[in-house]
Amino acid sequence: MQIEGYTPLGERHDTDELHMLVSQAVVNFLKAERLGANKKHVDKVVLTLGNLRRNGFKDLGNSTLFVPEGRFPAGRPGMADMAVYAAKSYQLRVYGGIVRIKGQSVFLCPEGAVKKQNKADQAQLKRVAKILGEHHER
């Protein structure tokens, strides 16, 4: 499974629940944060996303490392709102959501951020939902 501008996160096995694709911007963001004071937080986020790829949502229901941020407009007429999730550790976030591509479930991660306030950036969450909506097949 490949989308232009996105790369798989880790190696996908036949037993994995989801495909996991991260944008090049997220890859660059995580590399940069790993070089600074957020190395352990980057590692936690990557482990959380790997767990999601392998097991789906089953083990993440009560996790503080993976949280739903809400549903936001997909940006396409007639399409339902997209659920946006955050894989997080401390203030480091990678935002994404489930889309269907070629009939398969894919967790797509278009953006990452270091939160500066307690509340998530609503404009960023809406932007992520719109990107998810662009890739989701009807």
N, C-alpha and C. Protein backbone atom coordinates (compact mmCIF):
# COMPACT_ATOMS: atom_id res chain seq x y z
N MET A 1 0.86 -1.17 0.00
CA MET A 1 0.00 0.00 0.00
C MET A 1 0.90 1.22 0.00
N GLN A 2 0.69 2.13 -0.95
CA GLN A 2 1.52 3.32 -1.04
C GLN A 2 0.66 4.51 -1.48
N ILE A 3 0.90 5.64 -0.84
CA ILE A 3 0.30 6.91 -1.22
C ILE A 3 1.45 7.89 -1.39
N GLU A 4 1.41 8.69 -2.41
CA GLU A 4 2.48 9.64 -2.65
C GLU A 4 2.62 10.59 -1.46
N GLY A 5 3.86 10.74 -0.98
CA GLY A 5 4.14 11.61 0.16
C GLY A 5 4.03 10.92 1.51
N TYR A 6 3.68 9.62 1.51
CA TYR A 6 3.53 8.85 2.75
C TYR A 6 4.40 7.60 2.69
N THR A 7 4.90 7.19 3.85
CA THR A 7 5.70 5.98 3.94
C THR A 7 5.12 5.08 5.04
N PRO A 8 5.30 3.77 4.91
CA PRO A 8 4.84 2.87 5.96
C PRO A 8 5.64 3.09 7.25
N LEU A 9 4.97 2.95 8.37
CA LEU A 9 5.65 3.01 9.66
C LEU A 9 5.91 1.58 10.10
N GLY A 10 7.14 1.16 9.99
CA GLY A 10 7.49 -0.21 10.33
C GLY A 10 7.07 -1.18 9.24
N GLU A 11 7.45 -2.41 9.43
CA GLU A 11 7.12 -3.45 8.46
C GLU A 11 5.76 -4.05 8.79
N ARG A 12 4.89 -4.11 7.79
CA ARG A 12 3.55 -4.68 8.00
C ARG A 12 3.59 -6.18 7.79
N HIS A 13 2.97 -6.90 8.73
CA HIS A 13 2.87 -8.36 8.64
C HIS A 13 1.42 -8.73 8.31
N ASP A 14 1.22 -9.94 7.82
CA ASP A 14 -0.11 -10.40 7.44
C ASP A 14 -1.09 -10.39 8.61
N THR A 15 -0.59 -10.52 9.82
CA THR A 15 -1.46 -10.56 11.00
C THR A 15 -1.81 -9.17 11.53
N ASP A 16 -1.20 -8.12 10.99
CA ASP A 16 -1.48 -6.76 11.46
C ASP A 16 -2.90 -6.35 11.10
N GLU A 17 -3.52 -5.59 11.99
CA GLU A 17 -4.89 -5.13 11.80
C GLU A 17 -5.00 -4.02 10.76
N LEU A 18 -4.03 -3.12 10.72
CA LEU A 18 -4.11 -1.93 9.87
C LEU A 18 -2.83 -1.70 9.10
N HIS A 19 -2.97 -1.00 8.01
CA HIS A 19 -1.81 -0.40 7.37
C HIS A 19 -1.54 0.90 8.14
N MET A 20 -0.29 1.29 8.26
CA MET A 20 0.08 2.52 8.98
C MET A 20 0.97 3.33 8.04
N LEU A 21 0.47 4.50 7.63
CA LEU A 21 1.23 5.38 6.75
C LEU A 21 1.41 6.73 7.40
N VAL A 22 2.63 7.25 7.38
CA VAL A 22 2.93 8.57 7.93
C VAL A 22 3.46 9.45 6.82
N SER A 23 3.09 10.72 6.89
CA SER A 23 3.56 11.66 5.87
C SER A 23 5.05 11.93 6.05
N GLN A 24 5.67 12.40 4.99
CA GLN A 24 7.08 12.77 5.07
C GLN A 24 7.27 13.89 6.09
N ALA A 25 6.28 14.77 6.22
CA ALA A 25 6.35 15.84 7.21
C ALA A 25 6.41 15.27 8.63
N VAL A 26 5.65 14.21 8.91
CA VAL A 26 5.68 13.57 10.22
C VAL A 26 7.03 12.88 10.45
N VAL A 27 7.54 12.22 9.43
CA VAL A 27 8.86 11.58 9.54
C VAL A 27 9.91 12.62 9.90
N ASN A 28 9.91 13.74 9.18
CA ASN A 28 10.88 14.80 9.45
C ASN A 28 10.69 15.39 10.84
N PHE A 29 9.44 15.59 11.24
CA PHE A 29 9.11 16.12 12.56
C PHE A 29 9.64 15.20 13.65
N LEU A 30 9.39 13.89 13.54
CA LEU A 30 9.85 12.95 14.56
C LEU A 30 11.38 12.87 14.60
N LYS A 31 12.02 12.91 13.44
CA LYS A 31 13.49 12.91 13.42
C LYS A 31 14.04 14.13 14.14
N ALA A 32 13.47 15.28 13.87
CA ALA A 32 13.94 16.52 14.50
C ALA A 32 13.70 16.49 16.01
N GLU A 33 12.53 16.00 16.44
CA GLU A 33 12.22 15.95 17.87
C GLU A 33 13.08 14.91 18.59
N ARG A 34 13.44 13.86 17.89
CA ARG A 34 14.29 12.82 18.49
C ARG A 34 15.68 13.36 18.81
N LEU A 35 16.14 14.34 18.06
CA LEU A 35 17.47 14.92 18.29
C LEU A 35 17.48 15.86 19.50
N GLY A 36 16.31 16.33 19.91
CA GLY A 36 16.22 17.26 21.02
C GLY A 36 15.86 16.56 22.32
N ALA A 37 15.13 17.26 23.15
CA ALA A 37 14.77 16.76 24.48
C ALA A 37 13.60 15.78 24.44
N ASN A 38 12.99 15.56 23.29
CA ASN A 38 11.79 14.73 23.20
C ASN A 38 12.06 13.30 22.73
N LYS A 39 13.30 12.82 22.80
CA LYS A 39 13.63 11.49 22.30
C LYS A 39 12.73 10.41 22.90
N LYS A 40 12.59 10.41 24.24
CA LYS A 40 11.77 9.35 24.86
C LYS A 40 10.30 9.48 24.49
N HIS A 41 9.84 10.70 24.24
CA HIS A 41 8.44 10.90 23.83
C HIS A 41 8.22 10.44 22.40
N VAL A 42 9.19 10.67 21.53
CA VAL A 42 9.11 10.17 20.16
C VAL A 42 9.04 8.65 20.19
N ASP A 43 9.88 8.03 21.00
CA ASP A 43 9.89 6.56 21.09
C ASP A 43 8.52 6.03 21.54
N LYS A 44 7.91 6.68 22.54
CA LYS A 44 6.59 6.26 23.03
C LYS A 44 5.53 6.38 21.94
N VAL A 45 5.55 7.49 21.20
CA VAL A 45 4.57 7.70 20.13
C VAL A 45 4.73 6.65 19.04
N VAL A 46 5.96 6.37 18.64
CA VAL A 46 6.22 5.36 17.60
C VAL A 46 5.77 3.98 18.08
N LEU A 47 6.03 3.66 19.35
CA LEU A 47 5.57 2.37 19.90
C LEU A 47 4.04 2.29 19.92
N THR A 48 3.39 3.38 20.28
CA THR A 48 1.92 3.41 20.30
C THR A 48 1.36 3.18 18.90
N LEU A 49 1.94 3.85 17.90
CA LEU A 49 1.48 3.67 16.52
C LEU A 49 1.75 2.25 16.03
N GLY A 50 2.87 1.67 16.42
CA GLY A 50 3.17 0.28 16.06
C GLY A 50 2.17 -0.68 16.68
N ASN A 51 1.79 -0.43 17.93
CA ASN A 51 0.79 -1.24 18.61
C ASN A 51 -0.56 -1.13 17.91
N LEU A 52 -0.90 0.08 17.48
CA LEU A 52 -2.15 0.29 16.74
C LEU A 52 -2.13 -0.48 15.42
N ARG A 53 -1.01 -0.45 14.72
CA ARG A 53 -0.88 -1.18 13.45
C ARG A 53 -1.08 -2.67 13.68
N ARG A 54 -0.46 -3.21 14.72
CA ARG A 54 -0.54 -4.65 14.98
C ARG A 54 -1.91 -5.10 15.49
N ASN A 55 -2.47 -4.34 16.43
CA ASN A 55 -3.65 -4.82 17.16
C ASN A 55 -4.92 -4.03 16.92
N GLY A 56 -4.87 -2.98 16.14
CA GLY A 56 -6.05 -2.15 15.96
C GLY A 56 -6.35 -1.39 17.23
N PHE A 57 -7.62 -1.05 17.42
CA PHE A 57 -8.02 -0.23 18.56
C PHE A 57 -8.24 -1.01 19.85
N LYS A 58 -8.20 -2.36 19.80
CA LYS A 58 -8.56 -3.15 20.97
C LYS A 58 -7.76 -2.81 22.23
N ASP A 59 -6.47 -2.68 22.12
CA ASP A 59 -5.64 -2.46 23.30
C ASP A 59 -5.47 -0.98 23.66
N LEU A 60 -6.08 -0.10 22.89
CA LEU A 60 -5.85 1.32 23.10
C LEU A 60 -7.05 2.04 23.69
N GLY A 61 -8.10 1.32 24.06
CA GLY A 61 -9.31 1.95 24.56
C GLY A 61 -9.13 2.80 25.80
N ASN A 62 -8.33 2.34 26.74
CA ASN A 62 -8.12 3.08 27.99
C ASN A 62 -6.74 3.72 28.06
N SER A 63 -6.09 3.84 26.95
CA SER A 63 -4.73 4.36 26.92
C SER A 63 -4.71 5.88 27.02
N THR A 64 -3.74 6.39 27.76
CA THR A 64 -3.53 7.84 27.78
C THR A 64 -2.56 8.24 26.67
N LEU A 65 -2.02 7.25 25.96
CA LEU A 65 -1.07 7.53 24.89
C LEU A 65 -1.75 7.63 23.52
N PHE A 66 -3.04 7.30 23.45
CA PHE A 66 -3.77 7.35 22.19
C PHE A 66 -5.19 7.81 22.51
N VAL A 67 -5.55 9.00 22.04
CA VAL A 67 -6.85 9.57 22.42
C VAL A 67 -7.60 10.11 21.21
N PRO A 68 -8.94 10.01 21.23
CA PRO A 68 -9.73 10.64 20.18
C PRO A 68 -9.77 12.15 20.43
N GLU A 69 -9.58 12.92 19.39
CA GLU A 69 -9.62 14.38 19.49
C GLU A 69 -10.98 14.94 19.07
N GLY A 70 -11.78 14.10 18.40
CA GLY A 70 -13.10 14.54 17.96
C GLY A 70 -13.34 14.22 16.50
N ARG A 71 -14.52 14.63 16.03
CA ARG A 71 -14.89 14.44 14.62
C ARG A 71 -14.97 15.81 13.98
N PHE A 72 -14.42 15.90 12.77
CA PHE A 72 -14.32 17.18 12.07
C PHE A 72 -14.73 16.99 10.61
N PRO A 73 -15.19 18.07 9.96
CA PRO A 73 -15.63 17.97 8.56
C PRO A 73 -14.54 17.41 7.64
N ALA A 74 -14.98 16.49 6.77
CA ALA A 74 -14.05 15.85 5.84
C ALA A 74 -13.70 16.74 4.65
N GLY A 75 -14.47 17.79 4.45
CA GLY A 75 -14.16 18.71 3.36
C GLY A 75 -14.69 18.28 2.01
N ARG A 76 -15.48 17.20 1.96
CA ARG A 76 -16.08 16.75 0.71
C ARG A 76 -17.58 16.65 0.91
N PRO A 77 -18.35 17.16 -0.06
CA PRO A 77 -19.81 17.12 0.07
C PRO A 77 -20.32 15.69 0.21
N GLY A 78 -21.26 15.50 1.10
CA GLY A 78 -21.89 14.20 1.28
C GLY A 78 -21.08 13.21 2.08
N MET A 79 -19.91 13.60 2.57
CA MET A 79 -19.07 12.69 3.33
C MET A 79 -19.22 12.99 4.83
N ALA A 80 -19.31 11.95 5.62
CA ALA A 80 -19.43 12.11 7.07
C ALA A 80 -18.16 12.72 7.64
N ASP A 81 -18.28 13.28 8.83
CA ASP A 81 -17.11 13.83 9.52
C ASP A 81 -16.09 12.73 9.77
N MET A 82 -14.83 13.12 9.80
CA MET A 82 -13.74 12.17 10.03
C MET A 82 -13.31 12.24 11.49
N ALA A 83 -13.08 11.08 12.09
CA ALA A 83 -12.55 11.01 13.46
C ALA A 83 -11.04 11.23 13.42
N VAL A 84 -10.58 12.14 14.25
CA VAL A 84 -9.15 12.44 14.34
C VAL A 84 -8.66 11.95 15.70
N TYR A 85 -7.51 11.26 15.69
CA TYR A 85 -6.91 10.72 16.90
C TYR A 85 -5.51 11.30 17.07
N ALA A 86 -5.03 11.24 18.32
CA ALA A 86 -3.67 11.68 18.61
C ALA A 86 -2.93 10.56 19.32
N ALA A 87 -1.79 10.18 18.76
CA ALA A 87 -0.83 9.35 19.48
C ALA A 87 0.05 10.36 20.19
N LYS A 88 0.19 10.22 21.52
CA LYS A 88 0.83 11.29 22.26
C LYS A 88 1.72 10.78 23.38
N SER A 89 2.63 11.63 23.73
CA SER A 89 3.46 11.44 24.91
C SER A 89 3.88 12.83 25.35
N TYR A 90 3.50 13.19 26.56
CA TYR A 90 3.70 14.53 27.10
C TYR A 90 3.08 15.54 26.14
N GLN A 91 3.83 16.47 25.58
CA GLN A 91 3.26 17.48 24.68
C GLN A 91 3.41 17.10 23.20
N LEU A 92 4.07 16.00 22.90
CA LEU A 92 4.31 15.58 21.52
C LEU A 92 3.09 14.83 20.99
N ARG A 93 2.63 15.20 19.81
CA ARG A 93 1.44 14.59 19.20
C ARG A 93 1.71 14.22 17.74
N VAL A 94 1.15 13.08 17.33
CA VAL A 94 1.04 12.73 15.92
C VAL A 94 -0.44 12.49 15.68
N TYR A 95 -1.01 13.27 14.75
CA TYR A 95 -2.45 13.21 14.48
C TYR A 95 -2.73 12.36 13.25
N GLY A 96 -3.83 11.62 13.31
CA GLY A 96 -4.21 10.79 12.18
C GLY A 96 -5.61 10.24 12.36
N GLY A 97 -5.97 9.35 11.44
CA GLY A 97 -7.28 8.73 11.49
C GLY A 97 -7.37 7.58 10.49
N ILE A 98 -8.47 6.84 10.60
CA ILE A 98 -8.71 5.69 9.73
C ILE A 98 -9.36 6.14 8.43
N VAL A 99 -8.79 5.68 7.32
CA VAL A 99 -9.38 5.89 6.00
C VAL A 99 -9.44 4.54 5.28
N ARG A 100 -10.30 4.47 4.27
CA ARG A 100 -10.35 3.28 3.41
C ARG A 100 -9.67 3.63 2.10
N ILE A 101 -8.70 2.81 1.74
CA ILE A 101 -7.98 2.99 0.48
C ILE A 101 -7.90 1.63 -0.20
N LYS A 102 -8.43 1.56 -1.40
CA LYS A 102 -8.49 0.30 -2.15
C LYS A 102 -9.11 -0.82 -1.31
N GLY A 103 -10.15 -0.46 -0.56
CA GLY A 103 -10.89 -1.44 0.22
C GLY A 103 -10.22 -1.87 1.51
N GLN A 104 -9.10 -1.25 1.88
CA GLN A 104 -8.37 -1.64 3.08
C GLN A 104 -8.35 -0.50 4.09
N SER A 105 -8.34 -0.86 5.37
CA SER A 105 -8.25 0.15 6.43
C SER A 105 -6.81 0.59 6.60
N VAL A 106 -6.64 1.91 6.60
CA VAL A 106 -5.31 2.50 6.74
C VAL A 106 -5.39 3.57 7.81
N PHE A 107 -4.44 3.54 8.75
CA PHE A 107 -4.32 4.65 9.69
C PHE A 107 -3.32 5.61 9.07
N LEU A 108 -3.81 6.78 8.69
CA LEU A 108 -3.02 7.78 7.99
C LEU A 108 -2.64 8.89 8.95
N CYS A 109 -1.36 9.22 9.02
CA CYS A 109 -0.85 10.24 9.94
C CYS A 109 -0.27 11.40 9.13
N PRO A 110 -1.06 12.45 8.88
CA PRO A 110 -0.56 13.56 8.06
C PRO A 110 0.23 14.62 8.81
N GLU A 111 0.02 14.78 10.14
CA GLU A 111 0.68 15.89 10.84
C GLU A 111 1.09 15.52 12.25
N GLY A 112 2.10 16.23 12.73
CA GLY A 112 2.56 16.11 14.10
C GLY A 112 2.74 17.50 14.68
N ALA A 113 2.82 17.58 16.00
CA ALA A 113 2.98 18.88 16.65
C ALA A 113 3.49 18.69 18.07
N VAL A 114 4.08 19.75 18.59
CA VAL A 114 4.36 19.84 20.01
C VAL A 114 3.38 20.87 20.53
N LYS A 115 2.48 20.41 21.40
CA LYS A 115 1.44 21.29 21.94
C LYS A 115 2.06 22.35 22.83
N LYS A 116 1.59 23.57 22.67
CA LYS A 116 2.07 24.68 23.48
C LYS A 116 1.06 25.04 24.58
N GLN A 117 -0.20 24.59 24.42
CA GLN A 117 -1.26 24.89 25.38
C GLN A 117 -1.94 23.58 25.78
N ASN A 118 -2.82 23.68 26.77
CA ASN A 118 -3.55 22.49 27.20
C ASN A 118 -4.53 22.00 26.15
N LYS A 119 -5.13 22.91 25.40
CA LYS A 119 -6.13 22.56 24.39
C LYS A 119 -5.44 22.33 23.04
N ALA A 120 -5.91 21.30 22.32
CA ALA A 120 -5.37 21.01 20.99
C ALA A 120 -5.72 22.13 20.02
N ASP A 121 -4.88 22.35 19.04
CA ASP A 121 -5.08 23.36 18.01
C ASP A 121 -6.23 22.91 17.10
N GLN A 122 -7.39 23.55 17.24
CA GLN A 122 -8.59 23.15 16.49
C GLN A 122 -8.40 23.31 14.98
N ALA A 123 -7.68 24.33 14.57
CA ALA A 123 -7.43 24.53 13.13
C ALA A 123 -6.61 23.36 12.57
N GLN A 124 -5.64 22.88 13.34
CA GLN A 124 -4.84 21.75 12.90
C GLN A 124 -5.69 20.48 12.82
N LEU A 125 -6.55 20.26 13.80
CA LEU A 125 -7.41 19.08 13.79
C LEU A 125 -8.36 19.10 12.59
N LYS A 126 -8.90 20.26 12.27
CA LYS A 126 -9.77 20.39 11.09
C LYS A 126 -8.98 20.13 9.81
N ARG A 127 -7.75 20.61 9.76
CA ARG A 127 -6.89 20.40 8.59
C ARG A 127 -6.59 18.91 8.42
N VAL A 128 -6.31 18.21 9.52
CA VAL A 128 -6.05 16.77 9.47
C VAL A 128 -7.27 16.03 8.95
N ALA A 129 -8.46 16.38 9.46
CA ALA A 129 -9.70 15.73 9.01
C ALA A 129 -9.92 15.94 7.51
N LYS A 130 -9.61 17.12 7.04
CA LYS A 130 -9.77 17.41 5.61
C LYS A 130 -8.82 16.56 4.77
N ILE A 131 -7.59 16.41 5.24
CA ILE A 131 -6.61 15.56 4.54
C ILE A 131 -7.09 14.11 4.54
N LEU A 132 -7.60 13.65 5.68
CA LEU A 132 -8.13 12.28 5.75
C LEU A 132 -9.28 12.11 4.76
N GLY A 133 -10.16 13.12 4.69
CA GLY A 133 -11.29 13.07 3.78
C GLY A 133 -10.87 13.01 2.31
N GLU A 134 -9.77 13.68 1.98
CA GLU A 134 -9.25 13.65 0.60
C GLU A 134 -8.81 12.25 0.19
N HIS A 135 -8.30 11.47 1.13
CA HIS A 135 -7.76 10.14 0.82
C HIS A 135 -8.79 9.02 1.01
N HIS A 136 -9.86 9.28 1.75
CA HIS A 136 -10.86 8.26 2.04
C HIS A 136 -11.71 7.99 0.81
N GLU A 137 -11.81 6.72 0.44
CA GLU A 137 -12.66 6.38 -0.71
C GLU A 137 -14.09 6.19 -0.22
N ARG A 138 -15.01 6.58 -1.06
CA ARG A 138 -16.44 6.47 -0.70
C ARG A 138 -16.96 5.10 -0.95
